Amino acid sequence: MGEKSSDNIATDAISSLEEARAAYEYERRRCKELEHIISRLKGEDLIGLDSRALEELQNLHVEALAKICQEKLTNLAQ
């Protein structure tokens, strides 16, 4: 019984870690997209650019990455 329980815990930890990695990769791709958009915008006319919306989007990505990393660390500590 004890082995089965520890196997389930290990499987859950691996699953959580894989989910955290997948979420991290997704957010990383989104950040790269944002960097690409910002790079393109630097070469264009900035009149009408909603910089506040871009800042909010960037903050959202940073927040998501921080949560993913925190969850990953929490799962590794368990």
C-alpha atoms as a PDB file:
ATOM      1  CA  MET A   1       0.000   0.000   0.000  1.00  0.00           C
ATOM      2  CA  GLY A   2       2.782   2.451   0.921  1.00  0.00           C
ATOM      3  CA  GLU A   3       4.533   1.922  -2.395  1.00  0.00           C
ATOM      4  CA  LYS A   4       1.353   2.552  -4.337  1.00  0.00           C
ATOM      5  CA  SER A   5       0.748   5.786  -2.419  1.00  0.00           C
ATOM      6  CA  SER A   6       4.293   7.020  -3.019  1.00  0.00           C
ATOM      7  CA  ASP A   7       3.960   6.038  -6.703  1.00  0.00           C
ATOM      8  CA  ASN A   8       0.788   8.149  -6.942  1.00  0.00           C
ATOM      9  CA  ILE A   9       2.504  11.087  -5.275  1.00  0.00           C
ATOM     10  CA  ALA A  10       5.476  10.777  -7.632  1.00  0.00           C
ATOM     11  CA  THR A  11       3.155  10.524 -10.648  1.00  0.00           C
ATOM     12  CA  ASP A  12       1.218  13.594  -9.484  1.00  0.00           C
ATOM     13  CA  ALA A  13       4.464  15.518  -8.968  1.00  0.00           C
ATOM     14  CA  ILE A  14       5.706  14.567 -12.429  1.00  0.00           C
ATOM     15  CA  SER A  15       2.360  15.527 -13.943  1.00  0.00           C
ATOM     16  CA  SER A  16       2.386  18.874 -12.117  1.00  0.00           C
ATOM     17  CA  LEU A  17       5.944  19.517 -13.200  1.00  0.00           C
ATOM     18  CA  GLU A  18       5.089  18.705 -16.821  1.00  0.00           C
ATOM     19  CA  GLU A  19       2.072  21.019 -16.647  1.00  0.00           C
ATOM     20  CA  ALA A  20       4.218  23.784 -15.164  1.00  0.00           C
ATOM     21  CA  ARG A  21       6.812  23.294 -17.905  1.00  0.00           C
ATOM     22  CA  ALA A  22       4.140  23.405 -20.605  1.00  0.00           C
ATOM     23  CA  ALA A  23       2.649  26.564 -19.094  1.00  0.00           C
ATOM     24  CA  TYR A  24       6.102  28.103 -18.841  1.00  0.00           C
ATOM     25  CA  GLU A  25       6.866  27.310 -22.491  1.00  0.00           C
ATOM     26  CA  TYR A  26       3.514  28.750 -23.550  1.00  0.00           C
ATOM     27  CA  GLU A  27       4.176  31.998 -21.658  1.00  0.00           C
ATOM     28  CA  ARG A  28       7.722  32.096 -22.998  1.00  0.00           C
ATOM     29  CA  ARG A  29       6.403  31.896 -26.565  1.00  0.00           C
ATOM     30  CA  ARG A  30       3.900  34.642 -25.803  1.00  0.00           C
ATOM     31  CA  CYS A  31       6.673  36.838 -24.405  1.00  0.00           C
ATOM     32  CA  LYS A  32       8.722  36.277 -27.563  1.00  0.00           C
ATOM     33  CA  GLU A  33       5.697  37.295 -29.619  1.00  0.00           C
ATOM     34  CA  LEU A  34       5.368  40.437 -27.530  1.00  0.00           C
ATOM     35  CA  GLU A  35       9.072  41.203 -27.946  1.00  0.00           C
ATOM     36  CA  HIS A  36       8.684  40.756 -31.708  1.00  0.00           C
ATOM     37  CA  ILE A  37       5.701  43.134 -31.792  1.00  0.00           C
ATOM     38  CA  ILE A  38       7.567  45.714 -29.733  1.00  0.00           C
ATOM     39  CA  SER A  39      10.585  45.383 -32.005  1.00  0.00           C
ATOM     40  CA  ARG A  40       8.406  45.967 -35.072  1.00  0.00           C
ATOM     41  CA  LEU A  41       6.711  48.922 -33.431  1.00  0.00           C
ATOM     42  CA  LYS A  42      10.039  50.565 -32.684  1.00  0.00           C
ATOM     43  CA  GLY A  43      10.561  50.876 -36.430  1.00  0.00           C
ATOM     44  CA  GLU A  44       7.068  52.217 -37.106  1.00  0.00           C
ATOM     45  CA  ASP A  45       5.308  55.481 -36.432  1.00  0.00           C
ATOM     46  CA  LEU A  46       4.390  55.524 -32.756  1.00  0.00           C
ATOM     47  CA  ILE A  47       1.433  57.898 -33.110  1.00  0.00           C
ATOM     48  CA  GLY A  48      -1.656  56.136 -31.859  1.00  0.00           C
ATOM     49  CA  LEU A  49       0.312  53.417 -30.071  1.00  0.00           C
ATOM     50  CA  ASP A  50      -1.441  52.295 -26.937  1.00  0.00           C
ATOM     51  CA  SER A  51       1.670  51.960 -24.807  1.00  0.00           C
ATOM     52  CA  ARG A  52      -0.392  51.566 -21.637  1.00  0.00           C
ATOM     53  CA  ALA A  53      -2.084  48.466 -23.066  1.00  0.00           C
ATOM     54  CA  LEU A  54       1.305  47.044 -24.040  1.00  0.00           C
ATOM     55  CA  GLU A  55       2.656  47.670 -20.542  1.00  0.00           C
ATOM     56  CA  GLU A  56      -0.369  45.971 -18.998  1.00  0.00           C
ATOM     57  CA  LEU A  57       0.074  42.985 -21.307  1.00  0.00           C
ATOM     58  CA  GLN A  58       3.755  42.764 -20.421  1.00  0.00           C
ATOM     59  CA  ASN A  59       2.926  42.936 -16.702  1.00  0.00           C
ATOM     60  CA  LEU A  60       0.378  40.157 -17.165  1.00  0.00           C
ATOM     61  CA  HIS A  61       3.021  37.927 -18.758  1.00  0.00           C
ATOM     62  CA  VAL A  62       5.542  38.652 -16.025  1.00  0.00           C
ATOM     63  CA  GLU A  63       2.914  37.873 -13.399  1.00  0.00           C
ATOM     64  CA  ALA A  64       2.012  34.587 -15.111  1.00  0.00           C
ATOM     65  CA  LEU A  65       5.663  33.545 -15.347  1.00  0.00           C
ATOM     66  CA  ALA A  66       6.197  34.364 -11.681  1.00  0.00           C
ATOM     67  CA  LYS A  67       3.195  32.213 -10.694  1.00  0.00           C
ATOM     68  CA  ILE A  68       4.406  29.327 -12.839  1.00  0.00           C
ATOM     69  CA  CYS A  69       7.883  29.476 -11.325  1.00  0.00           C
ATOM     70  CA  GLN A  70       6.460  29.694  -7.811  1.00  0.00           C
ATOM     71  CA  GLU A  71       4.233  26.671  -8.441  1.00  0.00           C
ATOM     72  CA  LYS A  72       7.168  24.753  -9.880  1.00  0.00           C
ATOM     73  CA  LEU A  73       9.295  25.509  -6.824  1.00  0.00           C
ATOM     74  CA  THR A  74       6.435  24.545  -4.517  1.00  0.00           C
ATOM     75  CA  ASN A  75       5.993  21.226  -6.351  1.00  0.00           C
ATOM     76  CA  LEU A  76       9.715  20.500  -6.223  1.00  0.00           C
ATOM     77  CA  ALA A  77       9.791  21.193  -2.471  1.00  0.00           C
ATOM     78  CA  GLN A  78       7.017  18.688  -1.773  1.00  0.00           C
END
